[in-house]
Amino acid sequence: MYSPHGGLHPSAAYAANPQQGYVMVLRDYLPPALRGLMVASFLAAYMSTIGTQLNWGTSYLVNDFYRRFWVRSGSEKHYVFVSKIITVILVLASGYVASQLTSISAGWELVLNLGAGTGAVYILRWFWWCINAWSEISAMIVAAVVALGLSHVAFTGNNAVVFAKSTLITAGITTIAWLVATFVTPAEKESTLLHFYRGVHPAVYGWERIAKQAPELPEVRDFAANAFDTAMGCVLVYGTLFGLGKFIFGNWIAGTVLFVLAAVAGYLIWWDLSRRGWRRYQARR
């Protein structure tokens, strides 16, 4: 299918290059002024993301690992110097990983695999007092190693099946690793756990032993209600996002249905929190 000016029709060119389609639409349909603004916006978004991830990763490695377990009595000047070195190492490591990726989707799949491996421990640390720093450290290391290793394994099936296999394997191995690390390493100090419990006041189900040491606090047993609000929050967010997408592409019926579902979910969250009392959550925060 060709355009009157020669070459492929734009729609065919976009379909043939789906990862470049957005930039091609920008090139073909925006006037020069807006085109420059969009390019500048892309560069700004890219730099802010890179800066955030580098600072975030360096903060984890220096404050949560190096400063806590390796050099505890160093000066601030020393930690700043180490941060600079680690930032450079992260840049080089990320550059190498990026050079091994064949597409943007491969990068997203790698990130999602890492999240699938570490997500459970990040969530459960709020619900189970046994989880400690080594649980999280082991989860991050094992998830990274397994995800990178599986990227070189040739699974059978289409892209969705291959991604599902690598995600399940990464999540399974990582979960076993951080559970083992949790039970073989010492738990946090009782004073630290009690301070956390008093400050956060989590649900008592996984904190009963610690809750007994703080009898002045009422036990929180709202797991079912919070799970309901979480599910409704997912409906609210995704209904709004996909509803906007449907409207943009002119699918008015599907967009309206999604927006109605999002509105109902938002109302149910407001109803549940109002029923249980807003002041309660403000006090806990």
Protein backbone atom coordinates (compact mmCIF):
# COMPACT_ATOMS: atom_id res chain seq x y z
CA MET A 1 0.00 0.00 0.00
CA TYR A 2 1.69 3.22 -1.19
CA SER A 3 1.08 6.91 -0.61
CA PRO A 4 0.52 9.40 -3.49
CA HIS A 5 3.97 10.86 -2.90
CA GLY A 6 5.71 7.52 -3.25
CA GLY A 7 6.82 4.95 -0.71
CA LEU A 8 4.70 3.10 1.77
CA HIS A 9 1.44 4.59 2.96
CA PRO A 10 1.99 6.02 6.50
CA SER A 11 -0.28 3.46 8.17
CA ALA A 12 1.62 0.58 6.53
CA ALA A 13 4.96 2.10 7.52
CA TYR A 14 3.79 2.49 11.13
CA ALA A 15 2.61 -1.13 11.22
CA ALA A 16 5.93 -2.32 9.79
CA ASN A 17 7.85 -0.38 12.47
CA PRO A 18 5.66 -0.48 15.61
CA GLN A 19 8.47 0.60 17.95
CA GLN A 20 9.21 3.65 15.78
CA GLY A 21 5.58 4.44 15.01
CA TYR A 22 5.19 7.14 17.66
CA VAL A 23 8.20 9.08 16.42
CA MET A 24 7.08 8.62 12.80
CA VAL A 25 3.65 10.08 13.62
CA LEU A 26 5.40 12.98 15.34
CA ARG A 27 7.53 13.54 12.23
CA ASP A 28 4.69 13.29 9.72
CA TYR A 29 1.85 15.16 11.42
CA LEU A 30 3.23 17.80 13.80
CA PRO A 31 4.29 21.27 12.61
CA PRO A 32 7.98 22.14 13.15
CA ALA A 33 7.39 24.16 16.35
CA LEU A 34 5.43 21.42 18.09
CA ARG A 35 7.82 18.83 16.73
CA GLY A 36 10.72 20.58 18.44
CA LEU A 37 8.71 20.90 21.65
CA MET A 38 7.95 17.18 21.63
CA VAL A 39 11.60 16.28 21.03
CA ALA A 40 12.65 18.55 23.90
CA SER A 41 9.96 16.95 26.10
CA PHE A 42 11.22 13.47 25.23
CA LEU A 43 14.79 14.44 26.09
CA ALA A 44 13.70 16.06 29.38
CA ALA A 45 11.65 12.99 30.33
CA TYR A 46 14.56 10.72 29.43
CA MET A 47 17.08 12.71 31.47
CA SER A 48 14.78 12.98 34.49
CA THR A 49 14.15 9.23 34.41
CA ILE A 50 17.83 8.40 34.05
CA GLY A 51 18.75 10.82 36.84
CA THR A 52 16.07 9.42 39.14
CA GLN A 53 17.05 5.81 38.57
CA LEU A 54 20.77 6.47 39.04
CA ASN A 55 20.24 8.45 42.24
CA TRP A 56 17.74 5.90 43.51
CA GLY A 57 20.02 2.94 42.78
CA THR A 58 23.04 4.67 44.27
CA SER A 59 21.05 5.58 47.38
CA TYR A 60 20.07 1.95 47.86
CA LEU A 61 23.60 0.64 47.41
CA VAL A 62 25.29 3.28 49.58
CA ASN A 63 22.80 3.98 52.39
CA ASP A 64 21.08 0.61 52.66
CA PHE A 65 24.01 -1.68 51.95
CA TYR A 66 27.47 -0.09 51.97
CA ARG A 67 26.86 2.26 54.90
CA ARG A 68 24.84 -0.23 56.92
CA PHE A 69 26.84 -3.43 56.49
CA TRP A 70 30.30 -2.46 55.23
CA VAL A 71 31.61 0.94 56.40
CA ARG A 72 29.46 2.22 59.25
CA SER A 73 31.64 5.00 60.63
CA GLY A 74 32.78 6.80 57.50
CA SER A 75 32.53 10.55 56.96
CA GLU A 76 29.90 12.17 54.77
CA LYS A 77 32.66 13.11 52.34
CA HIS A 78 33.59 9.43 52.09
CA TYR A 79 30.02 8.36 51.34
CA VAL A 80 29.63 11.07 48.69
CA PHE A 81 32.84 9.88 47.02
CA VAL A 82 31.62 6.27 47.07
CA SER A 83 28.29 7.43 45.62
CA LYS A 84 30.08 8.98 42.66
CA ILE A 85 31.96 5.75 41.97
CA ILE A 86 28.82 3.63 42.21
CA THR A 87 26.95 6.03 39.92
CA VAL A 88 29.62 5.54 37.25
CA ILE A 89 29.47 1.76 37.74
CA LEU A 90 25.68 1.82 37.35
CA VAL A 91 25.97 3.87 34.15
CA LEU A 92 28.43 1.38 32.67
CA ALA A 93 26.39 -1.62 33.79
CA SER A 94 23.14 -0.18 32.44
CA GLY A 95 24.87 0.67 29.16
CA TYR A 96 26.04 -2.91 28.82
CA VAL A 97 22.56 -4.30 29.58
CA ALA A 98 21.00 -1.88 27.08
CA SER A 99 23.45 -2.99 24.39
CA GLN A 100 22.30 -6.59 24.86
CA LEU A 101 18.60 -5.78 24.44
CA THR A 102 17.09 -6.26 21.00
CA SER A 103 14.00 -4.08 21.49
CA ILE A 104 12.21 -1.76 23.89
CA SER A 105 9.78 -4.54 24.73
CA ALA A 106 12.71 -6.74 25.77
CA GLY A 107 13.74 -4.02 28.22
CA TRP A 108 10.24 -3.83 29.67
CA GLU A 109 10.10 -7.61 29.97
CA LEU A 110 13.39 -7.59 31.87
CA VAL A 111 12.08 -4.93 34.27
CA LEU A 112 8.83 -6.83 34.75
CA ASN A 113 10.74 -10.04 35.45
CA LEU A 114 12.76 -8.26 38.12
CA GLY A 115 9.55 -6.91 39.62
CA ALA A 116 7.89 -10.33 39.58
CA GLY A 117 10.80 -11.73 41.56
CA THR A 118 11.04 -8.99 44.18
CA GLY A 119 7.43 -7.81 44.36
CA ALA A 120 6.32 -10.39 46.92
CA VAL A 121 8.97 -9.53 49.51
CA TYR A 122 8.38 -5.78 49.08
CA ILE A 123 4.67 -6.25 49.78
CA LEU A 124 4.91 -8.88 52.50
CA ARG A 125 7.40 -6.88 54.56
CA TRP A 126 4.41 -4.80 55.72
CA PHE A 127 2.52 -7.92 56.80
CA TRP A 128 5.17 -10.23 58.31
CA TRP A 129 7.64 -9.22 61.00
CA CYS A 130 10.16 -11.96 60.07
CA ILE A 131 11.21 -10.26 56.81
CA ASN A 132 14.50 -8.41 57.26
CA ALA A 133 17.03 -6.52 55.18
CA TRP A 134 18.69 -9.72 53.94
CA SER A 135 15.33 -10.93 52.62
CA GLU A 136 15.15 -7.91 50.32
CA ILE A 137 18.84 -7.95 49.39
CA SER A 138 18.75 -11.64 48.46
CA ALA A 139 15.55 -11.10 46.44
CA MET A 140 17.09 -8.26 44.44
CA ILE A 141 20.32 -10.15 43.71
CA VAL A 142 18.69 -13.48 42.81
CA ALA A 143 15.98 -11.84 40.69
CA ALA A 144 18.62 -9.91 38.70
CA VAL A 145 20.82 -12.97 38.18
CA VAL A 146 17.95 -15.26 37.18
CA ALA A 147 16.28 -12.70 34.89
CA LEU A 148 19.55 -11.96 33.08
CA GLY A 149 20.37 -15.65 32.84
CA LEU A 150 16.96 -16.56 31.41
CA SER A 151 17.30 -13.83 28.78
CA HIS A 152 19.82 -16.13 27.07
CA VAL A 153 17.58 -19.21 27.27
CA ALA A 154 15.60 -20.09 24.13
CA PHE A 155 12.13 -21.05 25.35
CA THR A 156 9.57 -22.51 22.95
CA GLY A 157 6.28 -20.79 22.16
CA ASN A 158 5.15 -17.33 21.11
CA ASN A 159 6.32 -14.15 22.80
CA ALA A 160 3.57 -14.22 25.43
CA VAL A 161 4.32 -17.83 26.38
CA VAL A 162 8.08 -17.21 26.53
CA PHE A 163 7.55 -14.15 28.74
CA ALA A 164 5.19 -16.09 31.03
CA LYS A 165 7.69 -18.93 31.42
CA SER A 166 10.60 -16.63 32.28
CA THR A 167 8.45 -14.62 34.71
CA LEU A 168 7.18 -17.70 36.56
CA ILE A 169 10.67 -19.19 36.82
CA THR A 170 12.15 -15.91 38.06
CA ALA A 171 9.39 -15.40 40.63
CA GLY A 172 9.61 -19.00 41.84
CA ILE A 173 13.39 -19.12 42.28
CA THR A 174 13.51 -15.66 43.85
CA THR A 175 10.73 -16.50 46.31
CA ILE A 176 12.56 -19.64 47.45
CA ALA A 177 15.80 -17.66 47.81
CA TRP A 178 14.39 -14.84 49.97
CA LEU A 179 12.40 -17.27 52.11
CA VAL A 180 15.58 -19.21 52.83
CA ALA A 181 17.44 -15.98 53.57
CA THR A 182 14.65 -14.90 55.92
CA PHE A 183 14.86 -18.06 58.02
CA VAL A 184 18.66 -18.46 58.09
CA THR A 185 19.48 -14.84 58.97
CA PRO A 186 18.65 -13.19 62.31
CA ALA A 187 15.49 -11.10 62.53
CA GLU A 188 15.57 -7.38 63.17
CA LYS A 189 15.99 -6.23 66.77
CA GLU A 190 12.88 -6.32 68.93
CA SER A 191 13.21 -2.57 69.54
CA THR A 192 13.31 -1.90 65.79
CA LEU A 193 10.27 -4.08 65.12
CA LEU A 194 8.33 -2.52 67.98
CA HIS A 195 9.20 0.98 66.77
CA PHE A 196 8.01 0.05 63.28
CA TYR A 197 4.80 -1.48 64.60
CA ARG A 198 3.98 1.57 66.69
CA GLY A 199 4.74 3.94 63.82
CA VAL A 200 3.01 2.06 61.00
CA HIS A 201 0.44 0.07 63.02
CA PRO A 202 0.08 -2.69 60.41
CA ALA A 203 -2.54 -5.44 60.43
CA VAL A 204 -1.99 -7.78 63.35
CA TYR A 205 -2.12 -11.07 61.39
CA GLY A 206 1.63 -11.32 60.78
CA TRP A 207 2.62 -9.14 63.74
CA GLU A 208 0.91 -10.86 66.67
CA ARG A 209 4.14 -11.47 68.58
CA ILE A 210 5.15 -7.82 68.30
CA ALA A 211 1.59 -6.55 68.87
CA LYS A 212 1.55 -8.18 72.32
CA GLN A 213 4.37 -5.83 73.32
CA ALA A 214 2.26 -2.77 72.44
CA PRO A 215 -1.05 -3.43 74.24
CA GLU A 216 -1.90 0.28 74.17
CA LEU A 217 -2.56 0.05 70.42
CA PRO A 218 -5.81 -1.53 69.21
CA GLU A 219 -5.30 -4.52 66.94
CA VAL A 220 -5.95 -3.78 63.27
CA ARG A 221 -7.92 -6.49 61.45
CA ASP A 222 -8.96 -4.89 58.19
CA PHE A 223 -7.29 -7.16 55.62
CA ALA A 224 -10.52 -7.99 53.76
CA ALA A 225 -11.58 -4.34 53.50
CA ASN A 226 -8.12 -3.26 52.35
CA ALA A 227 -8.03 -6.05 49.75
CA PHE A 228 -11.39 -4.85 48.45
CA ASP A 229 -10.12 -1.24 48.22
CA THR A 230 -6.98 -2.45 46.44
CA ALA A 231 -9.02 -4.34 43.84
CA MET A 232 -11.28 -1.33 43.33
CA GLY A 233 -8.22 0.89 43.02
CA CYS A 234 -6.93 -1.28 40.17
CA VAL A 235 -10.30 -1.03 38.44
CA LEU A 236 -10.28 2.75 38.93
CA VAL A 237 -6.78 3.26 37.53
CA TYR A 238 -6.93 0.85 34.61
CA GLY A 239 -10.52 1.73 33.75
CA THR A 240 -9.53 5.38 33.48
CA LEU A 241 -6.35 4.70 31.49
CA PHE A 242 -7.88 2.30 28.99
CA GLY A 243 -11.06 4.35 28.84
CA LEU A 244 -9.04 7.38 27.71
CA GLY A 245 -7.33 5.19 25.11
CA LYS A 246 -10.68 4.01 23.77
CA PHE A 247 -11.94 7.60 23.52
CA ILE A 248 -8.78 8.71 21.71
CA PHE A 249 -9.33 6.01 19.07
CA GLY A 250 -13.02 6.78 18.75
CA ASN A 251 -14.37 3.69 20.49
CA TRP A 252 -17.01 5.60 22.45
CA ILE A 253 -19.02 2.66 23.77
CA ALA A 254 -16.05 0.76 25.23
CA GLY A 255 -14.58 3.99 26.59
CA THR A 256 -17.84 4.92 28.30
CA VAL A 257 -18.17 1.46 29.86
CA LEU A 258 -14.63 1.65 31.23
CA PHE A 259 -15.19 5.13 32.63
CA VAL A 260 -18.41 4.01 34.31
CA LEU A 261 -16.58 1.05 35.88
CA ALA A 262 -13.82 3.40 37.06
CA ALA A 263 -16.37 5.80 38.55
CA VAL A 264 -18.17 2.96 40.38
CA ALA A 265 -14.84 1.69 41.74
CA GLY A 266 -13.91 5.18 42.94
CA TYR A 267 -17.27 5.57 44.66
CA LEU A 268 -16.92 2.19 46.40
CA ILE A 269 -13.49 3.17 47.73
CA TRP A 270 -14.87 6.46 49.04
CA TRP A 271 -17.88 4.64 50.56
CA ASP A 272 -15.70 2.04 52.31
CA LEU A 273 -13.23 4.56 53.75
CA SER A 274 -16.09 6.81 54.86
CA ARG A 275 -17.78 3.85 56.50
CA ARG A 276 -14.63 2.94 58.42
CA GLY A 277 -13.74 6.54 59.24
CA TRP A 278 -11.21 8.87 57.61
CA ARG A 279 -9.81 10.14 60.92
CA ARG A 280 -8.61 6.65 61.74
CA TYR A 281 -6.30 6.61 58.70
CA GLN A 282 -5.10 10.16 59.26
CA ALA A 283 -4.14 9.23 62.81
CA ARG A 284 -2.29 6.09 61.66
CA ARG A 285 -0.40 8.06 59.04
